[in-house]
PDB file of N, CA and C in Angstrom:
ATOM      1  N   UNK A   1     -56.146 -58.509 -71.145  1.00  0.00           N
ATOM      2  CA  UNK A   1     -55.341 -56.706 -71.788  1.00  0.00           C
ATOM      3  C   UNK A   1     -54.213 -56.940 -72.498  1.00  0.00           C
ATOM      4  N   UNK A   2     -53.235 -56.450 -71.377  1.00  0.00           N
ATOM      5  CA  UNK A   2     -51.543 -56.499 -72.048  1.00  0.00           C
ATOM      6  C   UNK A   2     -50.756 -56.768 -71.573  1.00  0.00           C
ATOM      7  N   UNK A   3     -49.652 -57.508 -71.543  1.00  0.00           N
ATOM      8  CA  UNK A   3     -48.800 -58.693 -71.206  1.00  0.00           C
ATOM      9  C   UNK A   3     -47.946 -58.655 -71.565  1.00  0.00           C
ATOM     10  N   UNK A   4     -46.571 -58.451 -70.109  1.00  0.00           N
ATOM     11  CA  UNK A   4     -45.233 -58.630 -70.452  1.00  0.00           C
ATOM     12  C   UNK A   4     -44.200 -59.140 -70.882  1.00  0.00           C
ATOM     13  N   UNK A   5     -43.675 -59.174 -71.468  1.00  0.00           N
ATOM     14  CA  UNK A   5     -42.322 -60.599 -71.640  1.00  0.00           C
ATOM     15  C   UNK A   5     -40.931 -59.999 -70.798  1.00  0.00           C
ATOM     16  N   UNK A   6     -40.748 -60.342 -69.830  1.00  0.00           N
ATOM     17  CA  UNK A   6     -39.684 -60.255 -69.231  1.00  0.00           C
ATOM     18  C   UNK A   6     -38.429 -60.167 -69.970  1.00  0.00           C
ATOM     19  N   UNK A   7     -38.111 -61.246 -71.500  1.00  0.00           N
ATOM     20  CA  UNK A   7     -37.254 -61.801 -72.242  1.00  0.00           C
ATOM     21  C   UNK A   7     -37.501 -60.799 -73.761  1.00  0.00           C
ATOM     22  N   UNK A   8     -38.008 -60.159 -73.340  1.00  0.00           N
ATOM     23  CA  UNK A   8     -38.184 -58.933 -74.788  1.00  0.00           C
ATOM     24  C   UNK A   8     -36.735 -58.314 -74.597  1.00  0.00           C
ATOM     25  N   UNK A   9     -36.852 -57.441 -75.569  1.00  0.00           N
ATOM     26  CA  UNK A   9     -34.893 -56.448 -75.642  1.00  0.00           C
ATOM     27  C   UNK A   9     -35.860 -55.082 -75.081  1.00  0.00           C
ATOM     28  N   UNK A  10     -36.953 -55.024 -75.147  1.00  0.00           N
ATOM     29  CA  UNK A  10     -37.360 -53.765 -74.958  1.00  0.00           C
ATOM     30  C   UNK A  10     -37.456 -53.364 -73.484  1.00  0.00           C
ATOM     31  N   UNK A  11     -37.601 -52.240 -72.993  1.00  0.00           N
ATOM     32  CA  UNK A  11     -37.997 -52.150 -72.073  1.00  0.00           C
ATOM     33  C   UNK A  11     -39.024 -52.370 -71.936  1.00  0.00           C
ATOM     34  N   UNK A  12     -39.634 -52.496 -70.175  1.00  0.00           N
ATOM     35  CA  UNK A  12     -41.119 -53.055 -69.854  1.00  0.00           C
ATOM     36  C   UNK A  12     -42.299 -51.986 -70.237  1.00  0.00           C
ATOM     37  N   UNK A  13     -41.591 -50.249 -69.548  1.00  0.00           N
ATOM     38  CA  UNK A  13     -42.441 -49.569 -69.759  1.00  0.00           C
ATOM     39  C   UNK A  13     -42.798 -49.051 -71.297  1.00  0.00           C
ATOM     40  N   UNK A  14     -41.864 -49.376 -72.671  1.00  0.00           N
ATOM     41  CA  UNK A  14     -42.443 -49.043 -74.429  1.00  0.00           C
ATOM     42  C   UNK A  14     -42.826 -50.884 -74.063  1.00  0.00           C
ATOM     43  N   UNK A  15     -42.845 -51.504 -73.652  1.00  0.00           N
ATOM     44  CA  UNK A  15     -44.143 -52.487 -73.588  1.00  0.00           C
ATOM     45  C   UNK A  15     -45.330 -52.565 -73.632  1.00  0.00           C
ATOM     46  N   UNK A  16     -45.634 -51.765 -72.298  1.00  0.00           N
ATOM     47  CA  UNK A  16     -46.775 -51.438 -72.134  1.00  0.00           C
ATOM     48  C   UNK A  16     -47.053 -50.345 -72.444  1.00  0.00           C
ATOM     49  N   UNK A  17     -46.472 -49.484 -73.136  1.00  0.00           N
ATOM     50  CA  UNK A  17     -47.116 -48.266 -74.146  1.00  0.00           C
ATOM     51  C   UNK A  17     -47.699 -49.105 -74.680  1.00  0.00           C
ATOM     52  N   UNK A  18     -46.810 -49.665 -75.541  1.00  0.00           N
ATOM     53  CA  UNK A  18     -46.921 -50.417 -77.403  1.00  0.00           C
ATOM     54  C   UNK A  18     -48.328 -51.209 -77.211  1.00  0.00           C
ATOM     55  N   UNK A  19     -48.839 -51.591 -76.027  1.00  0.00           N
ATOM     56  CA  UNK A  19     -49.286 -53.022 -75.969  1.00  0.00           C
ATOM     57  C   UNK A  19     -51.214 -52.012 -75.930  1.00  0.00           C
ATOM     58  N   UNK A  20     -50.684 -50.386 -75.042  1.00  0.00           N
ATOM     59  CA  UNK A  20     -52.216 -49.920 -75.151  1.00  0.00           C
ATOM     60  C   UNK A  20     -52.130 -49.100 -75.997  1.00  0.00           C
ATOM     61  N   UNK A  21     -51.158 -48.511 -76.900  1.00  0.00           N
ATOM     62  CA  UNK A  21     -51.465 -47.944 -78.133  1.00  0.00           C
ATOM     63  C   UNK A  21     -52.069 -49.235 -79.233  1.00  0.00           C
ATOM     64  N   UNK A  22     -51.382 -50.281 -79.865  1.00  0.00           N
ATOM     65  CA  UNK A  22     -52.557 -51.750 -80.543  1.00  0.00           C
ATOM     66  C   UNK A  22     -54.115 -51.406 -79.459  1.00  0.00           C
ATOM     67  N   UNK A  23     -53.821 -51.859 -77.789  1.00  0.00           N
ATOM     68  CA  UNK A  23     -55.285 -52.016 -77.429  1.00  0.00           C
ATOM     69  C   UNK A  23     -57.099 -50.462 -78.226  1.00  0.00           C
ATOM     70  N   UNK A  24     -55.598 -49.143 -78.540  1.00  0.00           N
ATOM     71  CA  UNK A  24     -55.971 -47.716 -78.552  1.00  0.00           C
ATOM     72  C   UNK A  24     -56.900 -47.427 -79.496  1.00  0.00           C
ATOM     73  N   UNK A  25     -55.962 -48.190 -81.163  1.00  0.00           N
ATOM     74  CA  UNK A  25     -55.622 -48.580 -81.708  1.00  0.00           C
ATOM     75  C   UNK A  25     -56.484 -49.499 -82.316  1.00  0.00           C
ATOM     76  N   UNK A  26     -56.489 -50.156 -82.507  1.00  0.00           N
ATOM     77  CA  UNK A  26     -58.248 -51.246 -82.840  1.00  0.00           C
ATOM     78  C   UNK A  26     -59.722 -51.199 -82.526  1.00  0.00           C
ATOM     79  N   UNK A  27     -59.121 -50.636 -81.390  1.00  0.00           N
ATOM     80  CA  UNK A  27     -60.996 -50.426 -80.574  1.00  0.00           C
ATOM     81  C   UNK A  27     -60.825 -50.666 -80.126  1.00  0.00           C
ATOM     82  N   UNK A  28     -60.464 -51.994 -78.795  1.00  0.00           N
ATOM     83  CA  UNK A  28     -60.855 -52.411 -78.185  1.00  0.00           C
ATOM     84  C   UNK A  28     -60.826 -51.872 -76.835  1.00  0.00           C
ATOM     85  N   UNK A  29     -59.832 -50.635 -76.905  1.00  0.00           N
ATOM     86  CA  UNK A  29     -59.929 -49.760 -75.535  1.00  0.00           C
ATOM     87  C   UNK A  29     -61.081 -48.298 -75.988  1.00  0.00           C
ATOM     88  N   UNK A  30     -62.284 -47.911 -76.514  1.00  0.00           N
ATOM     89  CA  UNK A  30     -62.812 -46.905 -76.769  1.00  0.00           C
ATOM     90  C   UNK A  30     -62.740 -45.809 -76.172  1.00  0.00           C
ATOM     91  N   UNK A  31     -62.728 -44.111 -77.174  1.00  0.00           N
ATOM     92  CA  UNK A  31     -62.386 -43.330 -76.894  1.00  0.00           C
ATOM     93  C   UNK A  31     -63.335 -43.357 -75.213  1.00  0.00           C
ATOM     94  N   UNK A  32     -63.237 -42.690 -73.999  1.00  0.00           N
ATOM     95  CA  UNK A  32     -63.937 -42.319 -73.163  1.00  0.00           C
ATOM     96  C   UNK A  32     -63.277 -43.154 -72.487  1.00  0.00           C
ATOM     97  N   UNK A  33     -63.437 -44.352 -72.165  1.00  0.00           N
ATOM     98  CA  UNK A  33     -63.000 -45.338 -71.264  1.00  0.00           C
ATOM     99  C   UNK A  33     -61.704 -45.345 -70.328  1.00  0.00           C
ATOM    100  N   UNK A  34     -62.284 -45.460 -69.431  1.00  0.00           N
ATOM    101  CA  UNK A  34     -61.324 -44.965 -67.410  1.00  0.00           C
ATOM    102  C   UNK A  34     -59.433 -46.209 -68.902  1.00  0.00           C
ATOM    103  N   UNK A  35     -58.614 -45.801 -68.033  1.00  0.00           N
ATOM    104  CA  UNK A  35     -57.839 -47.087 -68.287  1.00  0.00           C
ATOM    105  C   UNK A  35     -57.625 -47.312 -66.783  1.00  0.00           C
ATOM    106  N   UNK A  36     -56.584 -48.508 -66.403  1.00  0.00           N
ATOM    107  CA  UNK A  36     -56.534 -48.949 -65.697  1.00  0.00           C
ATOM    108  C   UNK A  36     -56.106 -48.206 -64.530  1.00  0.00           C
ATOM    109  N   UNK A  37     -56.166 -48.107 -63.351  1.00  0.00           N
ATOM    110  CA  UNK A  37     -55.109 -46.734 -62.346  1.00  0.00           C
ATOM    111  C   UNK A  37     -53.620 -47.739 -62.693  1.00  0.00           C
ATOM    112  N   UNK A  38     -52.659 -46.602 -62.610  1.00  0.00           N
ATOM    113  CA  UNK A  38     -51.644 -47.194 -62.155  1.00  0.00           C
ATOM    114  C   UNK A  38     -51.492 -48.361 -60.919  1.00  0.00           C
ATOM    115  N   UNK A  39     -51.699 -48.490 -59.792  1.00  0.00           N
ATOM    116  CA  UNK A  39     -50.927 -49.093 -58.908  1.00  0.00           C
ATOM    117  C   UNK A  39     -52.399 -50.462 -59.145  1.00  0.00           C
ATOM    118  N   UNK A  40     -52.961 -50.750 -60.022  1.00  0.00           N
ATOM    119  CA  UNK A  40     -54.070 -51.284 -60.044  1.00  0.00           C
ATOM    120  C   UNK A  40     -52.937 -51.970 -61.262  1.00  0.00           C
ATOM    121  N   UNK A  41     -52.994 -51.632 -62.119  1.00  0.00           N
ATOM    122  CA  UNK A  41     -52.130 -51.751 -63.434  1.00  0.00           C
ATOM    123  C   UNK A  41     -50.740 -52.955 -62.949  1.00  0.00           C
ATOM    124  N   UNK A  42     -49.559 -52.083 -62.025  1.00  0.00           N
ATOM    125  CA  UNK A  42     -48.946 -51.679 -61.574  1.00  0.00           C
ATOM    126  C   UNK A  42     -48.733 -53.924 -60.582  1.00  0.00           C
ATOM    127  N   UNK A  43     -50.010 -53.891 -59.921  1.00  0.00           N
ATOM    128  CA  UNK A  43     -50.082 -54.990 -59.313  1.00  0.00           C
ATOM    129  C   UNK A  43     -49.841 -56.096 -59.832  1.00  0.00           C
ATOM    130  N   UNK A  44     -51.387 -56.555 -60.634  1.00  0.00           N
ATOM    131  CA  UNK A  44     -52.029 -57.702 -62.028  1.00  0.00           C
ATOM    132  C   UNK A  44     -50.406 -57.825 -62.772  1.00  0.00           C
ATOM    133  N   UNK A  45     -49.849 -56.783 -63.386  1.00  0.00           N
ATOM    134  CA  UNK A  45     -48.688 -56.750 -63.372  1.00  0.00           C
ATOM    135  C   UNK A  45     -47.119 -57.055 -63.238  1.00  0.00           C
ATOM    136  N   UNK A  46     -46.946 -57.286 -61.694  1.00  0.00           N
ATOM    137  CA  UNK A  46     -46.040 -58.054 -60.904  1.00  0.00           C
ATOM    138  C   UNK A  46     -44.644 -56.858 -61.897  1.00  0.00           C
ATOM    139  N   UNK A  47     -44.719 -54.828 -61.717  1.00  0.00           N
ATOM    140  CA  UNK A  47     -44.468 -54.239 -62.152  1.00  0.00           C
ATOM    141  C   UNK A  47     -44.313 -53.021 -60.988  1.00  0.00           C
ATOM    142  N   UNK A  48     -42.869 -52.018 -61.349  1.00  0.00           N
ATOM    143  CA  UNK A  48     -43.612 -51.334 -60.442  1.00  0.00           C
ATOM    144  C   UNK A  48     -44.115 -50.120 -61.167  1.00  0.00           C
ATOM    145  N   UNK A  49     -44.948 -49.157 -59.792  1.00  0.00           N
ATOM    146  CA  UNK A  49     -45.964 -48.930 -59.782  1.00  0.00           C
ATOM    147  C   UNK A  49     -44.895 -47.603 -61.158  1.00  0.00           C
ATOM    148  N   UNK A  50     -43.656 -47.309 -61.196  1.00  0.00           N
ATOM    149  CA  UNK A  50     -43.177 -46.636 -61.712  1.00  0.00           C
ATOM    150  C   UNK A  50     -42.742 -46.430 -63.316  1.00  0.00           C
ATOM    151  N   UNK A  51     -43.316 -47.437 -63.116  1.00  0.00           N
ATOM    152  CA  UNK A  51     -42.739 -48.080 -64.936  1.00  0.00           C
ATOM    153  C   UNK A  51     -44.177 -47.654 -65.873  1.00  0.00           C
ATOM    154  N   UNK A  52     -45.242 -47.813 -64.770  1.00  0.00           N
ATOM    155  CA  UNK A  52     -47.002 -47.965 -65.566  1.00  0.00           C
ATOM    156  C   UNK A  52     -46.850 -46.370 -65.925  1.00  0.00           C
ATOM    157  N   UNK A  53     -46.725 -45.443 -64.260  1.00  0.00           N
ATOM    158  CA  UNK A  53     -46.370 -44.374 -65.112  1.00  0.00           C
ATOM    159  C   UNK A  53     -45.758 -43.363 -66.194  1.00  0.00           C
ATOM    160  N   UNK A  54     -44.353 -44.217 -66.469  1.00  0.00           N
ATOM    161  CA  UNK A  54     -43.560 -43.772 -67.516  1.00  0.00           C
ATOM    162  C   UNK A  54     -44.973 -44.370 -68.244  1.00  0.00           C
ATOM    163  N   UNK A  55     -44.896 -44.860 -69.336  1.00  0.00           N
ATOM    164  CA  UNK A  55     -45.901 -45.760 -70.200  1.00  0.00           C
ATOM    165  C   UNK A  55     -46.858 -44.828 -70.128  1.00  0.00           C
ATOM    166  N   UNK A  56     -47.937 -44.312 -69.682  1.00  0.00           N
ATOM    167  CA  UNK A  56     -48.499 -43.810 -69.808  1.00  0.00           C
ATOM    168  C   UNK A  56     -48.294 -42.008 -69.805  1.00  0.00           C
ATOM    169  N   UNK A  57     -47.371 -41.914 -69.280  1.00  0.00           N
ATOM    170  CA  UNK A  57     -46.857 -40.172 -69.432  1.00  0.00           C
ATOM    171  C   UNK A  57     -46.081 -40.174 -71.108  1.00  0.00           C
ATOM    172  N   UNK A  58     -46.227 -41.449 -71.841  1.00  0.00           N
ATOM    173  CA  UNK A  58     -45.921 -40.589 -73.018  1.00  0.00           C
ATOM    174  C   UNK A  58     -46.510 -41.768 -74.186  1.00  0.00           C
ATOM    175  N   UNK A  59     -47.789 -42.307 -73.147  1.00  0.00           N
ATOM    176  CA  UNK A  59     -49.305 -41.934 -74.571  1.00  0.00           C
ATOM    177  C   UNK A  59     -49.845 -40.347 -73.850  1.00  0.00           C
ATOM    178  N   UNK A  60     -49.882 -40.344 -73.363  1.00  0.00           N
ATOM    179  CA  UNK A  60     -50.095 -39.040 -72.667  1.00  0.00           C
ATOM    180  C   UNK A  60     -50.057 -37.860 -73.580  1.00  0.00           C
ATOM    181  N   UNK A  61     -48.666 -37.955 -73.595  1.00  0.00           N
ATOM    182  CA  UNK A  61     -47.896 -37.090 -74.495  1.00  0.00           C
ATOM    183  C   UNK A  61     -47.882 -36.907 -76.333  1.00  0.00           C
ATOM    184  N   UNK A  62     -48.417 -38.595 -77.121  1.00  0.00           N
ATOM    185  CA  UNK A  62     -48.819 -38.730 -77.549  1.00  0.00           C
ATOM    186  C   UNK A  62     -49.765 -38.971 -78.478  1.00  0.00           C
ATOM    187  N   UNK A  63     -50.882 -38.203 -77.684  1.00  0.00           N
ATOM    188  CA  UNK A  63     -52.647 -37.720 -77.356  1.00  0.00           C
ATOM    189  C   UNK A  63     -53.369 -39.219 -77.349  1.00  0.00           C
ATOM    190  N   UNK A  64     -53.433 -40.198 -77.160  1.00  0.00           N
ATOM    191  CA  UNK A  64     -53.893 -41.476 -77.054  1.00  0.00           C
ATOM    192  C   UNK A  64     -54.739 -41.211 -75.610  1.00  0.00           C
ATOM    193  N   UNK A  65     -53.561 -40.750 -74.301  1.00  0.00           N
ATOM    194  CA  UNK A  65     -54.809 -40.825 -73.230  1.00  0.00           C
ATOM    195  C   UNK A  65     -54.596 -39.364 -72.658  1.00  0.00           C
ATOM    196  N   UNK A  66     -55.586 -38.635 -71.938  1.00  0.00           N
ATOM    197  CA  UNK A  66     -55.287 -37.586 -70.703  1.00  0.00           C
ATOM    198  C   UNK A  66     -55.424 -37.885 -69.488  1.00  0.00           C
ATOM    199  N   UNK A  67     -55.174 -37.205 -68.705  1.00  0.00           N
ATOM    200  CA  UNK A  67     -55.060 -37.730 -67.133  1.00  0.00           C
ATOM    201  C   UNK A  67     -56.215 -36.955 -66.749  1.00  0.00           C
ATOM    202  N   UNK A  68     -56.950 -36.889 -65.928  1.00  0.00           N
ATOM    203  CA  UNK A  68     -57.690 -36.467 -65.206  1.00  0.00           C
ATOM    204  C   UNK A  68     -57.871 -36.142 -63.486  1.00  0.00           C
ATOM    205  N   UNK A  69     -56.874 -35.003 -63.137  1.00  0.00           N
ATOM    206  CA  UNK A  69     -56.815 -35.622 -61.517  1.00  0.00           C
ATOM    207  C   UNK A  69     -57.712 -36.224 -60.972  1.00  0.00           C
ATOM    208  N   UNK A  70     -57.482 -36.381 -60.760  1.00  0.00           N
ATOM    209  CA  UNK A  70     -58.202 -36.843 -59.133  1.00  0.00           C
ATOM    210  C   UNK A  70     -59.271 -38.015 -59.687  1.00  0.00           C
ATOM    211  N   UNK A  71     -58.949 -38.237 -60.485  1.00  0.00           N
ATOM    212  CA  UNK A  71     -60.168 -39.307 -61.666  1.00  0.00           C
ATOM    213  C   UNK A  71     -59.253 -40.381 -62.336  1.00  0.00           C
ATOM    214  N   UNK A  72     -58.145 -40.277 -62.859  1.00  0.00           N
ATOM    215  CA  UNK A  72     -57.593 -41.735 -63.713  1.00  0.00           C
ATOM    216  C   UNK A  72     -57.582 -40.894 -64.368  1.00  0.00           C
ATOM    217  N   UNK A  73     -56.691 -41.995 -65.576  1.00  0.00           N
ATOM    218  CA  UNK A  73     -56.264 -42.048 -67.356  1.00  0.00           C
ATOM    219  C   UNK A  73     -57.732 -42.276 -68.149  1.00  0.00           C
ATOM    220  N   UNK A  74     -57.805 -41.361 -69.468  1.00  0.00           N
ATOM    221  CA  UNK A  74     -59.081 -41.680 -70.141  1.00  0.00           C
ATOM    222  C   UNK A  74     -58.142 -41.694 -71.209  1.00  0.00           C
ATOM    223  N   UNK A  75     -59.153 -42.687 -72.380  1.00  0.00           N
ATOM    224  CA  UNK A  75     -58.696 -43.039 -73.733  1.00  0.00           C
ATOM    225  C   UNK A  75     -59.298 -41.460 -74.384  1.00  0.00           C
ATOM    226  N   UNK A  76     -58.212 -40.844 -75.652  1.00  0.00           N
ATOM    227  CA  UNK A  76     -58.575 -39.683 -76.017  1.00  0.00           C
ATOM    228  C   UNK A  76     -59.655 -40.338 -77.571  1.00  0.00           C
ATOM    229  N   UNK A  77     -60.309 -39.372 -77.868  1.00  0.00           N
ATOM    230  CA  UNK A  77     -60.736 -39.892 -79.416  1.00  0.00           C
ATOM    231  C   UNK A  77     -59.370 -40.981 -80.274  1.00  0.00           C
ATOM    232  N   UNK A  78     -59.750 -42.062 -81.381  1.00  0.00           N
ATOM    233  CA  UNK A  78     -59.222 -42.115 -81.885  1.00  0.00           C
ATOM    234  C   UNK A  78     -58.126 -42.082 -83.069  1.00  0.00           C
ATOM    235  N   UNK A  79     -59.013 -41.019 -83.517  1.00  0.00           N
ATOM    236  CA  UNK A  79     -59.025 -40.105 -84.802  1.00  0.00           C
ATOM    237  C   UNK A  79     -57.386 -39.334 -84.814  1.00  0.00           C
ATOM    238  N   UNK A  80     -57.209 -38.815 -83.472  1.00  0.00           N
ATOM    239  CA  UNK A  80     -56.077 -38.092 -83.583  1.00  0.00           C
ATOM    240  C   UNK A  80     -54.651 -38.438 -83.047  1.00  0.00           C
ATOM    241  N   UNK A  81     -54.844 -39.330 -82.598  1.00  0.00           N
ATOM    242  CA  UNK A  81     -53.908 -40.989 -81.952  1.00  0.00           C
ATOM    243  C   UNK A  81     -53.222 -41.380 -83.576  1.00  0.00           C
ATOM    244  N   UNK A  82     -54.903 -42.079 -83.469  1.00  0.00           N
ATOM    245  CA  UNK A  82     -54.386 -42.303 -85.564  1.00  0.00           C
ATOM    246  C   UNK A  82     -53.865 -41.608 -86.372  1.00  0.00           C
ATOM    247  N   UNK A  83     -53.654 -40.699 -86.151  1.00  0.00           N
ATOM    248  CA  UNK A  83     -53.023 -39.767 -87.196  1.00  0.00           C
ATOM    249  C   UNK A  83     -51.975 -39.030 -86.937  1.00  0.00           C
ATOM    250  N   UNK A  84     -51.885 -39.181 -85.329  1.00  0.00           N
ATOM    251  CA  UNK A  84     -49.896 -38.694 -85.213  1.00  0.00           C
ATOM    252  C   UNK A  84     -49.326 -40.567 -84.773  1.00  0.00           C
ATOM    253  N   UNK A  85     -49.734 -41.564 -85.082  1.00  0.00           N
ATOM    254  CA  UNK A  85     -48.808 -42.505 -85.419  1.00  0.00           C
ATOM    255  C   UNK A  85     -48.494 -42.503 -86.895  1.00  0.00           C
ATOM    256  N   UNK A  86     -49.787 -42.655 -87.139  1.00  0.00           N
ATOM    257  CA  UNK A  86     -49.291 -42.478 -88.974  1.00  0.00           C
ATOM    258  C   UNK A  86     -48.618 -41.862 -88.948  1.00  0.00           C
ATOM    259  N   UNK A  87     -48.799 -40.392 -88.859  1.00  0.00           N
ATOM    260  CA  UNK A  87     -47.112 -39.704 -89.042  1.00  0.00           C
ATOM    261  C   UNK A  87     -45.928 -40.594 -88.891  1.00  0.00           C
ATOM    262  N   UNK A  88     -45.512 -40.761 -87.696  1.00  0.00           N
ATOM    263  CA  UNK A  88     -44.462 -41.453 -86.959  1.00  0.00           C
ATOM    264  C   UNK A  88     -44.107 -42.741 -87.298  1.00  0.00           C
ATOM    265  N   UNK A  89     -44.767 -43.087 -88.613  1.00  0.00           N
ATOM    266  CA  UNK A  89     -44.050 -44.279 -88.860  1.00  0.00           C
ATOM    267  C   UNK A  89     -44.015 -44.449 -90.077  1.00  0.00           C
ATOM    268  N   UNK A  90     -44.806 -43.240 -91.143  1.00  0.00           N
ATOM    269  CA  UNK A  90     -44.868 -42.629 -92.115  1.00  0.00           C
ATOM    270  C   UNK A  90     -42.956 -42.025 -91.732  1.00  0.00           C
ATOM    271  N   UNK A  91     -42.656 -41.451 -91.597  1.00  0.00           N
ATOM    272  CA  UNK A  91     -40.906 -41.166 -90.877  1.00  0.00           C
ATOM    273  C   UNK A  91     -40.280 -41.435 -91.076  1.00  0.00           C
ATOM    274  N   UNK A  92     -40.537 -43.018 -89.907  1.00  0.00           N
ATOM    275  CA  UNK A  92     -39.783 -44.128 -89.939  1.00  0.00           C
ATOM    276  C   UNK A  92     -39.263 -45.097 -91.149  1.00  0.00           C
ATOM    277  N   UNK A  93     -40.589 -45.222 -91.821  1.00  0.00           N
ATOM    278  CA  UNK A  93     -40.694 -45.773 -93.232  1.00  0.00           C
ATOM    279  C   UNK A  93     -39.754 -44.316 -94.282  1.00  0.00           C
ATOM    280  N   UNK A  94     -39.444 -43.629 -94.304  1.00  0.00           N
ATOM    281  CA  UNK A  94     -39.106 -42.756 -94.345  1.00  0.00           C
ATOM    282  C   UNK A  94     -37.753 -42.492 -95.053  1.00  0.00           C
ATOM    283  N   UNK A  95     -37.517 -43.246 -94.057  1.00  0.00           N
ATOM    284  CA  UNK A  95     -35.767 -43.768 -93.081  1.00  0.00           C
ATOM    285  C   UNK A  95     -34.976 -44.814 -93.906  1.00  0.00           C
ATOM    286  N   UNK A  96     -36.307 -46.032 -93.033  1.00  0.00           N
ATOM    287  CA  UNK A  96     -36.018 -47.165 -93.711  1.00  0.00           C
ATOM    288  C   UNK A  96     -35.217 -47.308 -95.585  1.00  0.00           C
ATOM    289  N   UNK A  97     -36.855 -46.523 -95.899  1.00  0.00           N
ATOM    290  CA  UNK A  97     -36.232 -46.441 -96.993  1.00  0.00           C
ATOM    291  C   UNK A  97     -35.218 -46.048 -97.665  1.00  0.00           C
ATOM    292  N   UNK A  98     -35.458 -44.820 -97.379  1.00  0.00           N
ATOM    293  CA  UNK A  98     -33.606 -44.505 -97.757  1.00  0.00           C
ATOM    294  C   UNK A  98     -32.427 -44.745 -97.722  1.00  0.00           C
ATOM    295  N   UNK A  99     -32.036 -45.096 -96.374  1.00  0.00           N
ATOM    296  CA  UNK A  99     -31.202 -46.274 -95.879  1.00  0.00           C
ATOM    297  C   UNK A  99     -31.492 -47.069 -96.904  1.00  0.00           C
ATOM    298  N   UNK A 100     -32.304 -47.964 -97.659  1.00  0.00           N
ATOM    299  CA  UNK A 100     -32.466 -49.548 -98.272  1.00  0.00           C
ATOM    300  C   UNK A 100     -31.959 -48.931 -99.274  1.00  0.00           C
ATOM    301  N   UNK A 101     -32.367 -48.245-100.085  1.00  0.00           N
ATOM    302  CA  UNK A 101     -31.867 -47.735-101.183  1.00  0.00           C
ATOM    303  C   UNK A 101     -30.390 -47.455-101.583  1.00  0.00           C
ATOM    304  N   UNK A 102     -29.624 -47.357-100.174  1.00  0.00           N
ATOM    305  CA  UNK A 102     -27.945 -46.597-100.628  1.00  0.00           C
ATOM    306  C   UNK A 102     -27.900 -47.855-100.361  1.00  0.00           C
ATOM    307  N   UNK A 103     -28.235 -49.085 -99.497  1.00  0.00           N
ATOM    308  CA  UNK A 103     -27.484 -50.383 -99.427  1.00  0.00           C
ATOM    309  C   UNK A 103     -28.197 -51.120-100.799  1.00  0.00           C
ATOM    310  N   UNK A 104     -28.130 -50.606-101.532  1.00  0.00           N
ATOM    311  CA  UNK A 104     -28.205 -51.014-102.968  1.00  0.00           C
ATOM    312  C   UNK A 104     -29.503 -51.824-103.667  1.00  0.00           C
ATOM    313  N   UNK A 105     -31.395 -51.947-102.315  1.00  0.00           N
ATOM    314  CA  UNK A 105     -32.666 -52.080-102.453  1.00  0.00           C
ATOM    315  C   UNK A 105     -32.753 -51.141-103.709  1.00  0.00           C
ATOM    316  N   UNK A 106     -34.035 -51.995-104.410  1.00  0.00           N
ATOM    317  CA  UNK A 106     -34.637 -51.701-105.848  1.00  0.00           C
ATOM    318  C   UNK A 106     -35.634 -51.550-105.337  1.00  0.00           C
ATOM    319  N   UNK A 107     -35.815 -49.915-106.167  1.00  0.00           N
ATOM    320  CA  UNK A 107     -37.602 -49.365-105.921  1.00  0.00           C
ATOM    321  C   UNK A 107     -38.398 -50.576-105.789  1.00  0.00           C
ATOM    322  N   UNK A 108     -37.884 -51.537-107.036  1.00  0.00           N
ATOM    323  CA  UNK A 108     -38.919 -52.683-107.230  1.00  0.00           C
ATOM    324  C   UNK A 108     -38.808 -53.474-106.459  1.00  0.00           C
ATOM    325  N   UNK A 109     -37.736 -53.740-105.156  1.00  0.00           N
ATOM    326  CA  UNK A 109     -37.058 -55.091-104.216  1.00  0.00           C
ATOM    327  C   UNK A 109     -38.481 -54.573-103.468  1.00  0.00           C
ATOM    328  N   UNK A 110     -38.327 -52.827-103.290  1.00  0.00           N
ATOM    329  CA  UNK A 110     -39.584 -52.343-102.780  1.00  0.00           C
ATOM    330  C   UNK A 110     -41.347 -52.392-101.978  1.00  0.00           C
ATOM    331  N   UNK A 111     -41.163 -52.258-103.345  1.00  0.00           N
ATOM    332  CA  UNK A 111     -42.557 -52.382-103.684  1.00  0.00           C
ATOM    333  C   UNK A 111     -42.948 -53.413-103.587  1.00  0.00           C
ATOM    334  N   UNK A 112     -42.121 -54.735-104.162  1.00  0.00           N
ATOM    335  CA  UNK A 112     -42.944 -55.835-103.432  1.00  0.00           C
ATOM    336  C   UNK A 112     -42.682 -55.973-102.171  1.00  0.00           C
ATOM    337  N   UNK A 113     -41.850 -55.431-101.779  1.00  0.00           N
ATOM    338  CA  UNK A 113     -41.828 -55.885-100.136  1.00  0.00           C
ATOM    339  C   UNK A 113     -43.332 -55.046 -99.458  1.00  0.00           C
ATOM    340  N   UNK A 114     -43.694 -53.756 -99.867  1.00  0.00           N
ATOM    341  CA  UNK A 114     -44.646 -53.383 -99.575  1.00  0.00           C
ATOM    342  C   UNK A 114     -46.030 -54.038 -99.610  1.00  0.00           C
ATOM    343  N   UNK A 115     -46.128 -54.279-100.916  1.00  0.00           N
ATOM    344  CA  UNK A 115     -47.001 -55.529-101.311  1.00  0.00           C
ATOM    345  C   UNK A 115     -47.114 -57.163-100.852  1.00  0.00           C
ATOM    346  N   UNK A 116     -45.993 -57.525-100.117  1.00  0.00           N
ATOM    347  CA  UNK A 116     -46.331 -58.934 -99.272  1.00  0.00           C
ATOM    348  C   UNK A 116     -45.559 -59.955-100.036  1.00  0.00           C
ATOM    349  N   UNK A 117     -44.708 -59.473-101.162  1.00  0.00           N
ATOM    350  CA  UNK A 117     -44.861 -60.219-102.170  1.00  0.00           C
ATOM    351  C   UNK A 117     -43.455 -61.079-101.909  1.00  0.00           C
ATOM    352  N   UNK A 118     -42.699 -60.513-101.011  1.00  0.00           N
ATOM    353  CA  UNK A 118     -41.468 -61.449-100.717  1.00  0.00           C
ATOM    354  C   UNK A 118     -41.377 -62.749-100.353  1.00  0.00           C
ATOM    355  N   UNK A 119     -39.993 -63.263-100.607  1.00  0.00           N
ATOM    356  CA  UNK A 119     -39.917 -64.920-100.343  1.00  0.00           C
ATOM    357  C   UNK A 119     -38.752 -65.260 -99.387  1.00  0.00           C
ATOM    358  N   UNK A 120     -38.206 -63.847 -98.999  1.00  0.00           N
ATOM    359  CA  UNK A 120     -36.935 -64.381 -98.265  1.00  0.00           C
ATOM    360  C   UNK A 120     -37.369 -65.633 -96.926  1.00  0.00           C
TER     361      UNK A 120
END
């Protein structure tokens, strides 16, 4: 399922959120599938249940999962979550491109990077 790297600089809840985000977007966790319970996942990863709860709250706010009181959390349709994530990433990319241009990177260098033609 997902793994936590305690040496990673990112907070654990972000690692959990990002791990589930990837599983959902890749289709490994299909729509309507039940997410592991907070307690179950906390025990499996040996981390605090509040950390899992925070990751689930963020996934729900981003539209990846939905919580049903008394039943648990379930994966939502991938299309909505994928579109939201795509918008978020494109906004980040726009910001990075603007900054890279200010630092003197040419449009051709940017295009090469996007095409995977860089040899840094």
